[in-house]
Protein backbone atom coordinates (compact mmCIF):
# COMPACT_ATOMS: atom_id res chain seq x y z
CA MET A 1 245.15 309.47 181.24
CA ILE A 2 242.99 306.53 180.14
CA ASN A 3 243.86 307.06 176.46
CA PHE A 4 247.54 307.41 177.36
CA ASP A 5 247.44 304.16 179.33
CA ARG A 6 245.80 302.42 176.39
CA ARG A 7 248.50 303.71 174.02
CA VAL A 8 251.21 302.49 176.37
CA LYS A 9 249.60 299.08 176.67
CA TRP A 10 249.17 298.82 172.90
CA GLY A 11 252.78 299.85 172.37
CA LEU A 12 253.94 297.17 174.75
CA ILE A 13 251.81 294.57 172.96
CA VAL A 14 253.29 295.54 169.58
CA LEU A 15 256.80 295.50 171.04
CA LEU A 16 256.46 292.15 172.77
CA LEU A 17 254.39 290.32 170.15
CA PRO A 18 257.35 288.97 168.11
CA PHE A 19 258.88 287.52 171.26
CA VAL A 20 255.58 285.95 172.30
CA LEU A 21 255.09 284.38 168.85
CA HIS A 22 258.67 283.10 168.85
CA ALA A 23 258.18 281.46 172.23
CA GLN A 24 254.85 279.99 171.13
CA SER A 25 256.34 278.37 168.02
CA LYS A 26 259.29 277.05 169.96
CA ASN A 27 257.10 275.61 172.69
CA ASN A 28 254.65 274.09 170.22
CA ILE A 29 257.40 272.37 168.25
CA ARG A 30 259.00 271.06 171.40
CA THR A 31 255.69 269.72 172.73
CA HIS A 32 254.86 267.94 169.46
CA THR A 33 258.37 266.52 169.12
CA GLU A 34 258.54 265.19 172.65
CA TYR A 35 255.27 263.34 172.23
CA LEU A 36 255.99 261.92 168.77
CA ALA A 37 259.48 260.81 169.82
CA SER A 38 258.39 259.38 173.16
CA ASP A 39 258.76 255.71 174.09
CA LYS A 40 254.95 255.53 174.20
CA LEU A 41 254.93 255.57 170.40
CA GLU A 42 257.48 252.74 170.24
CA GLY A 43 259.47 254.23 167.39
CA ARG A 44 256.51 254.68 165.01
CA GLY A 45 257.40 251.60 162.99
CA THR A 46 255.37 250.73 159.91
CA GLY A 47 252.34 248.63 160.85
CA SER A 48 252.78 249.23 164.57
CA ARG A 49 250.51 250.46 167.34
CA GLY A 50 252.87 253.40 167.74
CA ILE A 51 252.47 254.68 164.21
CA ARG A 52 248.67 254.53 164.59
CA LEU A 53 248.98 256.66 167.73
CA ALA A 54 251.18 259.13 165.82
CA ALA A 55 248.67 259.36 162.98
CA LYS A 56 245.84 259.95 165.47
CA TYR A 57 247.83 262.71 167.16
CA ILE A 58 248.60 264.46 163.86
CA ALA A 59 244.95 264.23 162.78
CA GLU A 60 243.84 265.69 166.10
CA GLN A 61 246.25 268.59 165.66
CA PHE A 62 244.98 269.22 162.12
CA LYS A 63 241.44 269.25 163.48
CA SER A 64 242.31 271.71 166.23
CA ILE A 65 243.98 273.98 163.66
CA GLU A 66 240.78 273.69 161.59
CA LEU A 67 242.37 272.41 158.42
CA GLN A 68 239.99 270.98 155.85
CA GLN A 69 239.67 267.23 155.46
CA ILE A 70 239.93 265.00 152.39
CA ASP A 71 236.43 264.84 150.85
CA GLY A 72 235.22 266.67 153.94
CA ASN A 73 235.23 263.60 156.20
CA SER A 74 238.75 262.40 157.07
CA PHE A 75 242.37 263.44 157.44
CA TYR A 76 243.53 259.90 156.60
CA GLN A 77 244.64 258.93 153.11
CA LYS A 78 244.98 255.15 153.29
CA PHE A 79 247.23 253.17 150.96
CA PRO A 80 248.37 249.54 150.73
CA PHE A 81 251.81 248.64 152.02
CA PRO A 82 253.69 245.52 150.85
CA GLY A 83 253.49 242.66 153.34
CA GLU A 84 251.00 244.43 155.61
CA VAL A 85 247.36 243.40 156.00
CA GLU A 86 246.32 246.74 157.47
CA MET A 87 246.56 249.83 155.31
CA GLU A 88 249.05 252.57 156.12
CA SER A 89 247.88 256.18 156.22
CA ASN A 90 249.14 259.53 155.14
CA VAL A 91 247.62 262.28 157.28
CA VAL A 92 246.50 265.18 155.09
CA GLY A 93 244.84 268.51 155.74
CA PHE A 94 244.61 271.62 153.64
CA ILE A 95 243.75 275.32 153.54
CA LYS A 96 241.62 276.18 150.55
CA ALA A 97 242.50 279.10 148.30
CA SER A 98 240.66 282.40 148.59
CA ALA A 99 239.32 282.00 145.04
CA PRO A 100 238.90 278.85 142.93
CA SER A 101 242.37 277.51 142.11
CA LYS A 102 243.79 274.16 141.08
CA LYS A 103 247.27 275.19 142.14
CA SER A 104 248.76 274.08 145.45
CA ILE A 105 251.88 274.17 147.54
CA VAL A 106 252.43 270.88 149.36
CA PHE A 107 254.29 270.78 152.68
CA THR A 108 255.51 267.27 153.53
CA ALA A 109 257.13 265.55 156.51
CA HIS A 110 257.28 261.81 157.11
CA TYR A 111 256.14 260.56 160.49
CA ASP A 112 257.32 256.94 160.36
CA SER A 113 260.54 255.64 161.88
CA PHE A 114 262.00 252.18 162.52
CA GLY A 115 260.00 251.03 165.52
CA ILE A 116 261.44 248.50 167.95
CA GLN A 117 264.43 246.46 166.84
CA LYS A 118 266.03 244.04 169.26
CA GLN A 119 269.71 243.43 168.74
CA GLU A 120 272.26 241.53 170.78
CA ASP A 121 273.96 243.53 173.54
CA GLN A 122 271.68 246.52 172.89
CA LYS A 123 269.73 247.73 175.92
CA ASP A 124 267.69 250.45 174.16
CA THR A 125 265.61 248.87 171.41
CA ILE A 126 263.33 251.81 170.50
CA TYR A 127 264.26 253.83 167.43
CA ASN A 128 262.47 256.98 168.56
CA GLY A 129 263.22 258.95 165.39
CA ALA A 130 263.38 262.33 167.12
CA ARG A 131 265.41 264.25 164.53
CA ASP A 132 264.28 261.84 161.82
CA ASN A 133 261.56 262.92 161.77
CA ALA A 134 259.41 263.74 164.80
CA VAL A 135 260.77 267.29 164.84
CA GLY A 136 260.04 267.66 161.12
CA VAL A 137 256.40 266.69 161.70
CA ALA A 138 256.28 269.12 164.61
CA ALA A 139 257.47 271.87 162.26
CA LEU A 140 254.82 270.83 159.71
CA LEU A 141 252.11 271.18 162.37
CA GLU A 142 253.38 274.59 163.42
CA LEU A 143 253.55 275.83 159.82
CA ALA A 144 249.96 274.69 159.35
CA ARG A 145 248.93 276.70 162.41
CA ILE A 146 250.84 279.79 161.26
CA PHE A 147 249.36 279.72 157.77
CA LYS A 148 245.85 279.07 159.07
CA ASN A 149 246.13 282.10 161.33
CA ALA A 150 247.51 284.22 158.49
CA GLY A 151 244.25 284.19 156.53
CA THR A 152 243.15 282.65 153.26
CA PRO A 153 246.00 282.06 150.77
CA ARG A 154 245.92 282.86 147.06
CA HIS A 155 246.43 279.18 146.22
CA ASN A 156 245.74 275.97 148.13
CA LEU A 157 248.10 274.86 150.89
CA VAL A 158 248.37 271.12 151.60
CA PHE A 159 249.97 269.72 154.76
CA LEU A 160 250.96 266.11 154.23
CA ALA A 161 252.41 263.86 156.94
CA THR A 162 253.59 260.78 155.06
CA ALA A 163 253.92 257.17 156.15
CA GLY A 164 256.23 254.57 154.65
CA GLU A 165 259.06 256.98 153.85
CA GLU A 166 261.88 255.07 155.52
CA LEU A 167 261.06 251.85 153.67
CA GLY A 168 260.61 253.31 150.20
CA LEU A 169 258.79 256.67 150.02
CA TYR A 170 255.45 254.84 149.77
CA GLY A 171 253.27 257.56 151.24
CA SER A 172 254.59 260.42 149.13
CA LYS A 173 254.45 258.31 145.97
CA PHE A 174 250.82 257.50 146.73
CA TYR A 175 249.97 261.15 147.26
CA VAL A 176 251.57 262.20 143.96
CA ASP A 177 249.39 259.62 142.21
CA HIS A 178 246.28 260.52 144.27
CA PRO A 179 246.57 264.23 145.09
CA ILE A 180 243.89 266.48 146.53
CA PHE A 181 244.64 269.02 143.81
CA PRO A 182 246.07 268.05 140.39
CA SER A 183 249.71 266.97 140.41
CA GLU A 184 250.40 269.01 137.29
CA ASP A 185 249.29 272.11 139.19
CA ILE A 186 251.51 271.61 142.26
CA ILE A 187 253.63 274.76 142.42
CA ILE A 188 256.28 273.20 144.65
CA CYS A 189 256.64 270.61 147.41
CA LEU A 190 258.38 271.96 150.51
CA ASN A 191 259.61 268.90 152.39
CA ILE A 192 260.76 268.88 156.01
CA ASP A 193 263.09 266.05 157.00
CA GLY A 194 265.04 266.99 160.09
CA PHE A 195 265.01 270.46 161.59
CA ASN A 196 267.38 272.85 163.30
CA VAL A 197 267.81 271.89 166.94
CA SER A 198 271.40 273.18 167.09
CA GLY A 199 270.63 276.81 167.87
CA PRO A 200 270.57 280.05 165.84
CA ARG A 201 272.35 279.91 162.48
CA GLU A 202 272.93 282.20 159.50
CA ASP A 203 273.52 279.73 156.64
CA TYR A 204 271.29 277.27 154.82
CA PHE A 205 271.39 274.77 151.99
CA ILE A 206 268.78 272.88 150.04
CA PHE A 207 268.35 269.57 148.32
CA PRO A 208 268.42 269.13 145.40
CA ARG A 209 270.85 271.52 143.78
CA GLN A 210 270.99 269.58 140.50
CA GLY A 211 268.31 268.86 137.92
CA VAL A 212 266.20 271.88 138.88
CA ASP A 213 266.18 275.55 137.90
CA PHE A 214 264.98 277.27 141.07
CA ILE A 215 268.12 277.45 143.25
CA ASN A 216 268.80 281.08 142.32
CA GLU A 217 265.17 281.92 143.00
CA VAL A 218 265.47 280.56 146.54
CA LYS A 219 268.65 282.60 147.04
CA THR A 220 266.79 285.69 145.83
CA ILE A 221 264.12 285.05 148.48
CA LEU A 222 266.35 284.27 151.46
CA ASN A 223 269.71 285.99 150.98
CA PRO A 224 268.32 289.56 151.35
CA LEU A 225 267.01 288.47 154.76
CA GLY A 226 270.59 287.96 155.97
CA TRP A 227 270.91 284.26 155.18
CA HIS A 228 273.88 282.76 153.34
CA TYR A 229 273.54 279.86 150.91
CA ILE A 230 276.47 277.48 151.58
CA SER A 231 275.94 274.02 150.16
CA PRO A 232 278.03 270.93 150.97
CA ASP A 233 278.83 268.67 148.05
CA TRP A 234 277.34 265.59 149.71
CA VAL A 235 273.79 266.74 148.95
CA ASP A 236 274.34 265.50 145.38
CA ASP A 237 274.40 261.94 146.73
CA LEU A 238 270.80 262.25 147.96
CA ASN A 239 268.95 262.55 144.66
CA THR A 240 266.70 259.53 145.26
CA SER A 241 266.36 260.08 149.00
CA PHE A 242 263.57 261.85 150.90
CA ASP A 243 259.96 262.41 149.90
CA THR A 244 261.13 265.12 147.51
CA ALA A 245 262.19 262.39 145.06
CA SER A 246 258.57 261.24 144.65
CA PHE A 247 257.69 264.68 143.32
CA LEU A 248 260.89 265.43 141.44
CA GLU A 249 260.83 262.22 139.40
CA LYS A 250 257.39 263.26 138.13
CA GLY A 251 258.69 266.69 137.13
CA ILE A 252 257.17 268.50 140.15
CA PRO A 253 259.47 271.07 141.81
CA ALA A 254 260.40 270.07 145.36
CA LEU A 255 263.03 270.88 147.96
CA THR A 256 264.19 270.10 151.47
CA LEU A 257 265.91 272.91 153.38
CA TRP A 258 268.42 272.63 156.19
CA THR A 259 270.36 275.18 158.20
CA GLY A 260 274.14 274.83 158.37
CA ASP A 261 276.82 275.25 161.03
CA ARG A 262 277.58 279.00 160.91
CA LEU A 263 276.65 280.96 164.01
CA LYS A 264 275.41 284.53 163.72
CA GLY A 265 278.46 286.52 162.74
CA GLY A 266 280.06 283.75 160.70
CA LYS A 267 281.87 281.66 163.30
CA ILE A 268 281.62 277.89 162.81
CA ALA A 269 279.68 276.22 165.62
CA GLU A 270 281.21 273.54 167.76
CA PRO A 271 279.83 270.07 166.93
CA LEU A 272 276.91 268.93 169.06
CA ASP A 273 276.15 265.32 169.96
CA LEU A 274 272.49 265.14 168.93
CA GLY A 275 272.31 261.36 168.63
CA GLY A 276 272.76 259.44 165.40
CA ILE A 277 269.72 259.07 163.17
CA HIS A 278 268.47 255.55 162.40
CA THR A 279 269.71 254.44 165.82
CA PRO A 280 268.14 254.21 169.30
CA LYS A 281 270.18 257.32 170.16
CA ASP A 282 267.95 259.52 167.99
CA GLU A 283 266.10 260.89 170.98
CA VAL A 284 265.30 264.32 172.40
CA THR A 285 268.13 265.17 174.80
CA ASP A 286 269.40 268.09 176.85
CA ASN A 287 271.91 268.78 174.03
CA TRP A 288 269.12 270.01 171.80
CA ASN A 289 268.97 273.79 171.39
CA TRP A 290 265.48 274.93 170.40
CA GLU A 291 266.36 278.59 169.87
CA GLY A 292 266.74 278.26 166.09
CA VAL A 293 263.47 276.52 165.24
CA GLU A 294 261.39 279.65 164.66
CA GLU A 295 263.96 281.03 162.19
CA HIS A 296 263.96 277.71 160.34
CA LEU A 297 260.15 277.89 160.17
CA GLN A 298 260.38 281.37 158.70
CA LEU A 299 262.67 280.16 155.91
CA TYR A 300 259.96 277.75 154.78
CA LYS A 301 257.28 280.42 155.19
CA HIS A 302 259.18 283.00 153.14
CA ILE A 303 259.64 280.50 150.32
CA ALA A 304 255.97 279.52 150.40
CA ASP A 305 254.82 283.14 150.52
CA TYR A 306 256.94 283.95 147.47
CA PHE A 307 255.67 281.05 145.38
CA LEU A 308 252.07 281.77 146.35
CA GLU A 309 252.56 285.13 144.65
CA HIS A 310 254.80 283.78 141.83
CA PRO A 311 253.42 280.31 141.09
CA ASP A 312 254.83 279.87 137.59
CA GLY A 313 258.20 279.62 135.91
CA ILE A 314 260.13 277.01 137.89
CA SER A 315 260.73 273.45 136.75
CA VAL A 316 262.55 270.17 137.15
CA THR A 317 265.01 270.15 134.26
CA ASP A 318 266.04 266.49 134.57
CA PRO A 319 263.51 264.22 136.32
CA THR A 320 265.62 261.14 135.56
CA MET A 321 268.13 262.22 138.19
CA PHE A 322 265.58 261.42 140.88
CA MET A 323 264.50 258.00 139.65
CA GLU A 324 265.75 254.80 141.25
CA GLN A 325 268.07 253.03 138.82
């Protein structure tokens, strides 16, 4: 009877574990997002008290996950910012490879927003940057936790929360020039800028789709899992946008991945009012649907897992497409 009871209990654990992990990821992302997008952080503007609080929070999370620090003593990678006396800081942690390796996959998400901007006839002056990009940083933190719990990877994994993105990609450019592991050995940068808070979906698209040769490889990874690659044409207008550009212009493969508007089964979802980015309306609201965040996380994880096992053979075919003219 005792052995039978143990088998039943173990069976229940195995059965329920995926649901528990899903709920944990969803709750973690929500908790991180709500703090980073709160009024307490005053919009995380460059040079502000709020962005220092955000950096401290991210560093504390990296420490609790037990990521390794830069040079063994800090998660902060400081860099000069034009017009600012105080240095800005990327927040960087990493998981070292199981055997000596110079290769790395770099996960990025910018944590800066536009701070407080007072305008005439505007009651709300805080640009909370919830979708852009508190939720992206939250996803970065959760991916770091997932990979740390998964064991030691074949190659190094870097988790990079960048500053200065909104005003010119300063943090990501600094990292590319001052990487933890050699830039020429970066397998790919997986950037998170925005995340699915619209609910479960079945389609995805990535930026860029030009000037690189790995789109079909991503399709090969994700399409067998039931996902459909459906790309809008407007992504071609974003070649110099996002932290991906800092990597791509140096010939380093990089992508940002979004989910689309197809519900499970193929029906197009009704539009949701999630608040416009780069406005005070970019806040966490009751319209947000958190049920798709774990699936979005898994898309990034599947891509990373694949390239950890297949680190060679992809390239940026035209770096000039990602350079500011």
